[in-house]
N, C-alpha and C. Protein backbone atom coordinates (compact mmCIF):
# COMPACT_ATOMS: atom_id res chain seq x y z
N UNK A 1 -45.33 -15.89 39.34
CA UNK A 1 -45.16 -16.44 38.01
C UNK A 1 -44.34 -15.44 37.18
N UNK A 2 -43.35 -15.95 36.50
CA UNK A 2 -42.51 -15.08 35.68
C UNK A 2 -42.96 -15.16 34.23
N UNK A 3 -42.67 -14.10 33.53
CA UNK A 3 -43.01 -14.07 32.11
C UNK A 3 -42.14 -15.06 31.36
N UNK A 4 -42.69 -15.69 30.32
CA UNK A 4 -41.87 -16.62 29.54
C UNK A 4 -40.72 -15.87 28.88
N UNK A 5 -39.58 -16.52 28.84
CA UNK A 5 -38.42 -15.89 28.21
C UNK A 5 -38.32 -16.34 26.76
N UNK A 6 -37.94 -15.40 25.95
CA UNK A 6 -37.73 -15.68 24.53
C UNK A 6 -36.25 -15.95 24.31
N UNK A 7 -35.91 -17.03 23.65
CA UNK A 7 -34.48 -17.28 23.42
C UNK A 7 -33.88 -16.17 22.56
N UNK A 8 -32.67 -15.81 22.92
CA UNK A 8 -31.97 -14.78 22.15
C UNK A 8 -31.44 -15.43 20.89
N UNK A 9 -31.74 -14.85 19.74
CA UNK A 9 -31.26 -15.46 18.51
C UNK A 9 -29.76 -15.23 18.36
N UNK A 10 -29.14 -16.07 17.57
CA UNK A 10 -27.69 -16.07 17.43
C UNK A 10 -27.14 -14.74 16.89
N UNK A 11 -27.81 -14.15 15.93
CA UNK A 11 -27.33 -12.89 15.36
C UNK A 11 -27.35 -11.79 16.42
N UNK A 12 -28.41 -11.73 17.19
CA UNK A 12 -28.52 -10.72 18.25
C UNK A 12 -27.42 -10.94 19.30
N UNK A 13 -27.18 -12.19 19.65
CA UNK A 13 -26.14 -12.51 20.61
C UNK A 13 -24.77 -12.08 20.08
N UNK A 14 -24.51 -12.36 18.80
CA UNK A 14 -23.22 -11.98 18.21
C UNK A 14 -23.07 -10.46 18.15
N UNK A 15 -24.16 -9.76 17.93
CA UNK A 15 -24.10 -8.29 17.96
C UNK A 15 -23.66 -7.84 19.34
N UNK A 16 -24.20 -8.46 20.39
CA UNK A 16 -23.80 -8.12 21.74
C UNK A 16 -22.34 -8.43 22.02
N UNK A 17 -21.88 -9.57 21.53
CA UNK A 17 -20.47 -9.95 21.70
C UNK A 17 -19.58 -8.94 20.98
N UNK A 18 -19.93 -8.62 19.74
CA UNK A 18 -19.13 -7.68 18.95
C UNK A 18 -19.07 -6.31 19.61
N UNK A 19 -20.21 -5.80 20.05
CA UNK A 19 -20.21 -4.46 20.66
C UNK A 19 -19.48 -4.47 22.01
N UNK A 20 -19.57 -5.57 22.75
CA UNK A 20 -18.83 -5.67 24.01
C UNK A 20 -17.32 -5.64 23.74
N UNK A 21 -16.89 -6.39 22.74
CA UNK A 21 -15.47 -6.34 22.35
C UNK A 21 -15.09 -4.90 21.98
N UNK A 22 -15.88 -4.27 21.14
CA UNK A 22 -15.56 -2.90 20.70
C UNK A 22 -15.48 -1.94 21.88
N UNK A 23 -16.42 -2.05 22.81
CA UNK A 23 -16.40 -1.16 23.99
C UNK A 23 -15.15 -1.40 24.82
N UNK A 24 -14.81 -2.65 25.02
CA UNK A 24 -13.62 -2.99 25.81
C UNK A 24 -12.35 -2.49 25.11
N UNK A 25 -12.27 -2.69 23.82
CA UNK A 25 -11.10 -2.26 23.06
C UNK A 25 -10.97 -0.74 23.07
N UNK A 26 -12.10 -0.05 22.95
CA UNK A 26 -12.08 1.42 22.97
C UNK A 26 -11.57 1.93 24.32
N UNK A 27 -11.89 1.23 25.42
CA UNK A 27 -11.39 1.61 26.73
C UNK A 27 -9.89 1.33 26.85
N UNK A 28 -9.48 0.16 26.37
CA UNK A 28 -8.07 -0.21 26.47
C UNK A 28 -7.17 0.64 25.58
N UNK A 29 -7.65 0.89 24.38
CA UNK A 29 -6.83 1.57 23.37
C UNK A 29 -7.59 2.75 22.77
N UNK A 30 -7.75 3.82 23.52
CA UNK A 30 -8.50 4.96 22.98
C UNK A 30 -7.83 5.61 21.77
N UNK A 31 -6.57 5.27 21.53
CA UNK A 31 -5.86 5.86 20.40
C UNK A 31 -5.98 5.02 19.13
N UNK A 32 -6.62 3.84 19.23
CA UNK A 32 -6.87 3.07 18.00
C UNK A 32 -7.68 3.96 17.08
N UNK A 33 -7.14 4.31 15.98
CA UNK A 33 -7.84 5.27 15.13
C UNK A 33 -8.17 4.75 13.74
N UNK A 34 -7.22 4.17 13.07
CA UNK A 34 -7.33 3.86 11.65
C UNK A 34 -8.07 2.54 11.41
N UNK A 35 -9.11 2.60 10.60
CA UNK A 35 -9.88 1.41 10.25
C UNK A 35 -9.77 1.12 8.76
N UNK A 36 -10.08 -0.08 8.40
CA UNK A 36 -10.18 -0.50 7.00
C UNK A 36 -11.66 -0.59 6.67
N UNK A 37 -12.08 0.08 5.60
CA UNK A 37 -13.45 -0.15 5.11
C UNK A 37 -13.36 -1.31 4.12
N UNK A 38 -14.29 -2.24 4.28
CA UNK A 38 -14.28 -3.42 3.42
C UNK A 38 -15.66 -3.60 2.82
N UNK A 39 -15.70 -3.64 1.49
CA UNK A 39 -16.96 -3.72 0.75
C UNK A 39 -16.83 -4.79 -0.34
N UNK A 40 -17.91 -5.51 -0.56
CA UNK A 40 -17.97 -6.41 -1.71
C UNK A 40 -18.79 -5.68 -2.77
N UNK A 41 -18.18 -5.50 -3.94
CA UNK A 41 -18.86 -4.80 -5.03
C UNK A 41 -18.79 -5.65 -6.29
N UNK A 42 -19.89 -5.74 -7.00
CA UNK A 42 -19.86 -6.46 -8.27
C UNK A 42 -18.93 -5.76 -9.26
N UNK A 43 -18.37 -6.50 -10.21
CA UNK A 43 -17.49 -5.88 -11.20
C UNK A 43 -18.18 -4.69 -11.88
N UNK A 44 -17.47 -3.59 -11.96
CA UNK A 44 -17.99 -2.39 -12.62
C UNK A 44 -18.86 -1.52 -11.75
N UNK A 45 -19.21 -1.98 -10.55
CA UNK A 45 -20.05 -1.18 -9.65
C UNK A 45 -19.19 -0.15 -8.93
N UNK A 46 -19.84 0.90 -8.47
CA UNK A 46 -19.16 1.97 -7.74
C UNK A 46 -19.43 1.80 -6.24
N UNK A 47 -18.38 1.64 -5.46
CA UNK A 47 -18.53 1.43 -4.02
C UNK A 47 -18.42 2.72 -3.24
N UNK A 48 -18.24 3.85 -3.91
CA UNK A 48 -17.94 5.10 -3.19
C UNK A 48 -19.06 5.54 -2.24
N UNK A 49 -20.31 5.32 -2.59
CA UNK A 49 -21.41 5.73 -1.70
C UNK A 49 -21.38 4.93 -0.40
N UNK A 50 -21.16 3.63 -0.51
CA UNK A 50 -21.09 2.78 0.69
C UNK A 50 -19.85 3.13 1.49
N UNK A 51 -18.73 3.35 0.82
CA UNK A 51 -17.50 3.71 1.52
C UNK A 51 -17.67 5.03 2.26
N UNK A 52 -18.41 5.95 1.70
CA UNK A 52 -18.69 7.21 2.38
C UNK A 52 -19.49 6.97 3.65
N UNK A 53 -20.48 6.09 3.58
CA UNK A 53 -21.27 5.74 4.77
C UNK A 53 -20.39 5.08 5.83
N UNK A 54 -19.45 4.26 5.40
CA UNK A 54 -18.56 3.59 6.34
C UNK A 54 -17.62 4.61 7.00
N UNK A 55 -17.17 5.60 6.24
CA UNK A 55 -16.34 6.66 6.82
C UNK A 55 -17.12 7.42 7.89
N UNK A 56 -18.38 7.71 7.60
CA UNK A 56 -19.23 8.41 8.57
C UNK A 56 -19.39 7.58 9.84
N UNK A 57 -19.62 6.27 9.69
CA UNK A 57 -19.75 5.39 10.85
C UNK A 57 -18.46 5.40 11.67
N UNK A 58 -17.33 5.31 11.01
CA UNK A 58 -16.05 5.34 11.71
C UNK A 58 -15.91 6.64 12.49
N UNK A 59 -16.25 7.75 11.88
CA UNK A 59 -16.15 9.06 12.54
C UNK A 59 -17.08 9.14 13.74
N UNK A 60 -18.26 8.52 13.65
CA UNK A 60 -19.19 8.51 14.78
C UNK A 60 -18.59 7.78 15.99
N UNK A 61 -17.63 6.89 15.73
CA UNK A 61 -16.97 6.16 16.81
C UNK A 61 -15.60 6.75 17.13
N UNK A 62 -15.33 7.96 16.63
CA UNK A 62 -14.06 8.62 16.91
C UNK A 62 -12.89 8.04 16.16
N UNK A 63 -13.13 7.43 15.03
CA UNK A 63 -12.10 6.79 14.22
C UNK A 63 -12.11 7.38 12.81
N UNK A 64 -11.22 6.90 11.97
CA UNK A 64 -11.24 7.28 10.57
C UNK A 64 -10.84 6.09 9.71
N UNK A 65 -11.26 6.13 8.47
CA UNK A 65 -10.91 5.06 7.52
C UNK A 65 -9.60 5.44 6.85
N UNK A 66 -8.62 4.57 7.01
CA UNK A 66 -7.32 4.80 6.40
C UNK A 66 -7.12 4.01 5.13
N UNK A 67 -7.92 2.96 4.95
CA UNK A 67 -7.80 2.09 3.78
C UNK A 67 -9.19 1.68 3.32
N UNK A 68 -9.41 1.73 2.02
CA UNK A 68 -10.64 1.22 1.41
C UNK A 68 -10.27 -0.02 0.61
N UNK A 69 -10.88 -1.14 0.95
CA UNK A 69 -10.58 -2.39 0.26
C UNK A 69 -11.89 -3.01 -0.21
N UNK A 70 -11.86 -3.55 -1.42
CA UNK A 70 -13.04 -4.20 -1.97
C UNK A 70 -12.68 -5.58 -2.53
N UNK A 71 -13.67 -6.43 -2.55
CA UNK A 71 -13.61 -7.69 -3.27
C UNK A 71 -14.79 -7.69 -4.23
N UNK A 72 -14.69 -8.49 -5.29
CA UNK A 72 -15.75 -8.51 -6.29
C UNK A 72 -16.76 -9.63 -6.09
N UNK A 73 -16.45 -10.58 -5.22
CA UNK A 73 -17.37 -11.70 -5.05
C UNK A 73 -17.45 -12.10 -3.58
N UNK A 74 -18.63 -12.50 -3.17
CA UNK A 74 -18.85 -12.94 -1.79
C UNK A 74 -18.61 -14.44 -1.69
N UNK A 75 -17.43 -14.87 -2.05
CA UNK A 75 -17.06 -16.29 -1.98
C UNK A 75 -16.56 -16.59 -0.56
N UNK A 76 -16.04 -17.78 -0.35
CA UNK A 76 -15.54 -18.12 0.97
C UNK A 76 -14.38 -17.18 1.34
N UNK A 77 -14.25 -16.92 2.64
CA UNK A 77 -13.26 -15.95 3.11
C UNK A 77 -11.84 -16.28 2.69
N UNK A 78 -11.50 -17.56 2.62
CA UNK A 78 -10.13 -17.94 2.27
C UNK A 78 -9.79 -17.67 0.81
N UNK A 79 -10.78 -17.32 0.00
CA UNK A 79 -10.53 -17.02 -1.41
C UNK A 79 -10.60 -15.52 -1.71
N UNK A 80 -10.90 -14.71 -0.72
CA UNK A 80 -11.03 -13.27 -0.93
C UNK A 80 -9.70 -12.57 -0.70
N UNK A 81 -9.12 -12.06 -1.77
CA UNK A 81 -7.83 -11.38 -1.70
C UNK A 81 -7.96 -10.10 -0.88
N UNK A 82 -9.02 -9.34 -1.09
CA UNK A 82 -9.21 -8.08 -0.36
C UNK A 82 -9.38 -8.30 1.13
N UNK A 83 -10.16 -9.30 1.51
CA UNK A 83 -10.37 -9.57 2.94
C UNK A 83 -9.05 -9.98 3.59
N UNK A 84 -8.28 -10.82 2.90
CA UNK A 84 -6.97 -11.21 3.42
C UNK A 84 -6.06 -10.00 3.59
N UNK A 85 -6.12 -9.07 2.65
CA UNK A 85 -5.33 -7.85 2.75
C UNK A 85 -5.77 -7.02 3.96
N UNK A 86 -7.07 -6.91 4.18
CA UNK A 86 -7.59 -6.16 5.33
C UNK A 86 -7.09 -6.77 6.64
N UNK A 87 -7.17 -8.09 6.75
CA UNK A 87 -6.71 -8.76 7.97
C UNK A 87 -5.20 -8.60 8.15
N UNK A 88 -4.46 -8.61 7.06
CA UNK A 88 -3.02 -8.42 7.13
C UNK A 88 -2.68 -7.02 7.66
N UNK A 89 -3.41 -6.00 7.20
CA UNK A 89 -3.18 -4.64 7.70
C UNK A 89 -3.41 -4.57 9.20
N UNK A 90 -4.43 -5.29 9.67
CA UNK A 90 -4.72 -5.32 11.11
C UNK A 90 -3.63 -6.08 11.86
N UNK A 91 -3.24 -7.23 11.36
CA UNK A 91 -2.20 -8.04 12.02
C UNK A 91 -0.88 -7.29 12.11
N UNK A 92 -0.56 -6.51 11.11
CA UNK A 92 0.70 -5.77 11.10
C UNK A 92 0.63 -4.48 11.92
N UNK A 93 -0.57 -4.14 12.40
CA UNK A 93 -0.72 -2.93 13.21
C UNK A 93 -0.89 -1.66 12.40
N UNK A 94 -1.07 -1.78 11.11
CA UNK A 94 -1.27 -0.61 10.25
C UNK A 94 -2.71 -0.13 10.28
N UNK A 95 -3.59 -0.99 10.74
CA UNK A 95 -5.00 -0.63 10.93
C UNK A 95 -5.44 -1.25 12.24
N UNK A 96 -6.45 -0.64 12.85
CA UNK A 96 -6.90 -1.07 14.17
C UNK A 96 -8.26 -1.74 14.15
N UNK A 97 -8.76 -2.02 12.96
CA UNK A 97 -10.04 -2.70 12.87
C UNK A 97 -10.66 -2.55 11.50
N UNK A 98 -11.88 -3.04 11.41
CA UNK A 98 -12.60 -3.13 10.14
C UNK A 98 -13.97 -2.49 10.30
N UNK A 99 -14.44 -1.87 9.25
CA UNK A 99 -15.80 -1.35 9.21
C UNK A 99 -16.43 -1.88 7.92
N UNK A 100 -17.61 -2.51 8.07
CA UNK A 100 -18.28 -3.17 6.94
C UNK A 100 -19.74 -2.73 6.88
N UNK A 101 -20.37 -2.90 5.71
CA UNK A 101 -21.79 -2.52 5.60
C UNK A 101 -22.72 -3.39 6.44
N UNK A 102 -22.47 -4.70 6.48
CA UNK A 102 -23.38 -5.60 7.20
C UNK A 102 -22.66 -6.91 7.49
N UNK A 103 -23.30 -7.73 8.29
CA UNK A 103 -22.74 -9.03 8.65
C UNK A 103 -22.44 -9.87 7.42
N UNK A 104 -23.33 -9.87 6.44
CA UNK A 104 -23.18 -10.71 5.25
C UNK A 104 -21.92 -10.35 4.45
N UNK A 105 -21.41 -9.14 4.63
CA UNK A 105 -20.17 -8.77 3.96
C UNK A 105 -19.04 -9.68 4.40
N UNK A 106 -19.06 -10.08 5.65
CA UNK A 106 -18.08 -11.04 6.14
C UNK A 106 -18.56 -12.45 5.84
N UNK A 107 -19.76 -12.79 6.30
CA UNK A 107 -20.34 -14.10 5.99
C UNK A 107 -21.81 -14.12 6.40
N UNK A 108 -22.62 -14.75 5.56
CA UNK A 108 -24.02 -14.96 5.92
C UNK A 108 -24.15 -16.12 6.90
N UNK A 109 -23.16 -16.98 6.94
CA UNK A 109 -23.15 -18.12 7.84
C UNK A 109 -22.77 -17.63 9.24
N UNK A 110 -23.66 -17.80 10.20
CA UNK A 110 -23.43 -17.28 11.54
C UNK A 110 -22.25 -17.95 12.25
N UNK A 111 -21.97 -19.20 11.94
CA UNK A 111 -20.82 -19.87 12.54
C UNK A 111 -19.52 -19.25 12.05
N UNK A 112 -19.43 -19.01 10.76
CA UNK A 112 -18.25 -18.37 10.18
C UNK A 112 -18.13 -16.94 10.70
N UNK A 113 -19.25 -16.23 10.73
CA UNK A 113 -19.24 -14.85 11.24
C UNK A 113 -18.80 -14.82 12.70
N UNK A 114 -19.30 -15.74 13.50
CA UNK A 114 -18.93 -15.81 14.91
C UNK A 114 -17.42 -15.99 15.06
N UNK A 115 -16.85 -16.87 14.26
CA UNK A 115 -15.40 -17.08 14.30
C UNK A 115 -14.66 -15.78 14.01
N UNK A 116 -15.16 -15.01 13.03
CA UNK A 116 -14.52 -13.74 12.68
C UNK A 116 -14.68 -12.71 13.79
N UNK A 117 -15.85 -12.62 14.39
CA UNK A 117 -16.08 -11.68 15.50
C UNK A 117 -15.06 -11.97 16.61
N UNK A 118 -14.90 -13.24 16.95
CA UNK A 118 -13.96 -13.60 18.00
C UNK A 118 -12.51 -13.35 17.57
N UNK A 119 -12.20 -13.55 16.29
CA UNK A 119 -10.85 -13.27 15.78
C UNK A 119 -10.51 -11.80 16.04
N UNK A 120 -11.43 -10.90 15.70
CA UNK A 120 -11.20 -9.47 15.93
C UNK A 120 -11.03 -9.18 17.42
N UNK A 121 -11.95 -9.70 18.23
CA UNK A 121 -11.89 -9.44 19.66
C UNK A 121 -10.61 -9.93 20.30
N UNK A 122 -10.16 -11.11 19.91
CA UNK A 122 -8.94 -11.69 20.47
C UNK A 122 -7.69 -10.88 20.09
N UNK A 123 -7.78 -10.12 19.02
CA UNK A 123 -6.64 -9.32 18.58
C UNK A 123 -6.80 -7.85 18.94
N UNK A 124 -7.78 -7.55 19.78
CA UNK A 124 -8.07 -6.17 20.16
C UNK A 124 -8.25 -5.28 18.93
N UNK A 125 -8.94 -5.81 17.95
CA UNK A 125 -9.24 -5.08 16.73
C UNK A 125 -10.74 -4.77 16.71
N UNK A 126 -11.07 -3.57 16.34
CA UNK A 126 -12.46 -3.15 16.28
C UNK A 126 -13.17 -3.76 15.08
N UNK A 127 -14.45 -4.00 15.22
CA UNK A 127 -15.30 -4.44 14.11
C UNK A 127 -16.60 -3.66 14.19
N UNK A 128 -16.76 -2.70 13.30
CA UNK A 128 -17.98 -1.89 13.26
C UNK A 128 -18.79 -2.31 12.04
N UNK A 129 -20.12 -2.39 12.24
CA UNK A 129 -21.04 -2.83 11.20
C UNK A 129 -22.09 -1.75 11.01
N UNK A 130 -22.20 -1.24 9.78
CA UNK A 130 -23.14 -0.16 9.47
C UNK A 130 -24.59 -0.57 9.76
N UNK A 131 -25.00 -1.70 9.23
CA UNK A 131 -26.34 -2.24 9.46
C UNK A 131 -26.18 -3.46 10.36
N UNK A 132 -26.44 -3.30 11.66
CA UNK A 132 -26.14 -4.36 12.63
C UNK A 132 -26.73 -5.71 12.24
N UNK A 133 -26.18 -6.72 12.85
CA UNK A 133 -26.53 -8.10 12.58
C UNK A 133 -28.05 -8.30 12.54
N UNK A 134 -28.46 -9.09 11.59
CA UNK A 134 -29.89 -9.37 11.39
C UNK A 134 -30.37 -10.38 12.41
N UNK A 135 -31.64 -10.29 12.74
CA UNK A 135 -32.23 -11.30 13.60
C UNK A 135 -32.72 -12.43 12.71
N UNK A 136 -32.79 -13.62 13.28
CA UNK A 136 -33.22 -14.78 12.50
C UNK A 136 -34.70 -14.76 12.29
């Protein structure tokens, strides 16, 4: 008799997908160095403490933050000027990935987040998350 299996929740699965992409990309492109830190901060708030934590996370992975980008509202991704700028830096090859505080910084919706995780992986762009994906 085998032990009952617990279904893997979607957030945990996406964390595995994201880290597998990152591991593969790090092997393929060990020279990928420059990341974009991306933070959502309310108007008038100071993002420097979070950005410092993101720099530390990047350094733990042998990378550095070359650009700090913020948006003021967690609206849909297509309306975020800062997020579009971060993706543009990656598409142009000026940055090799993104580092964010948590999954919700990109999207609380797991379907939207999943699309973004795959977007990064398909472009051989790193995606590091300070506080890994939440379990449901």
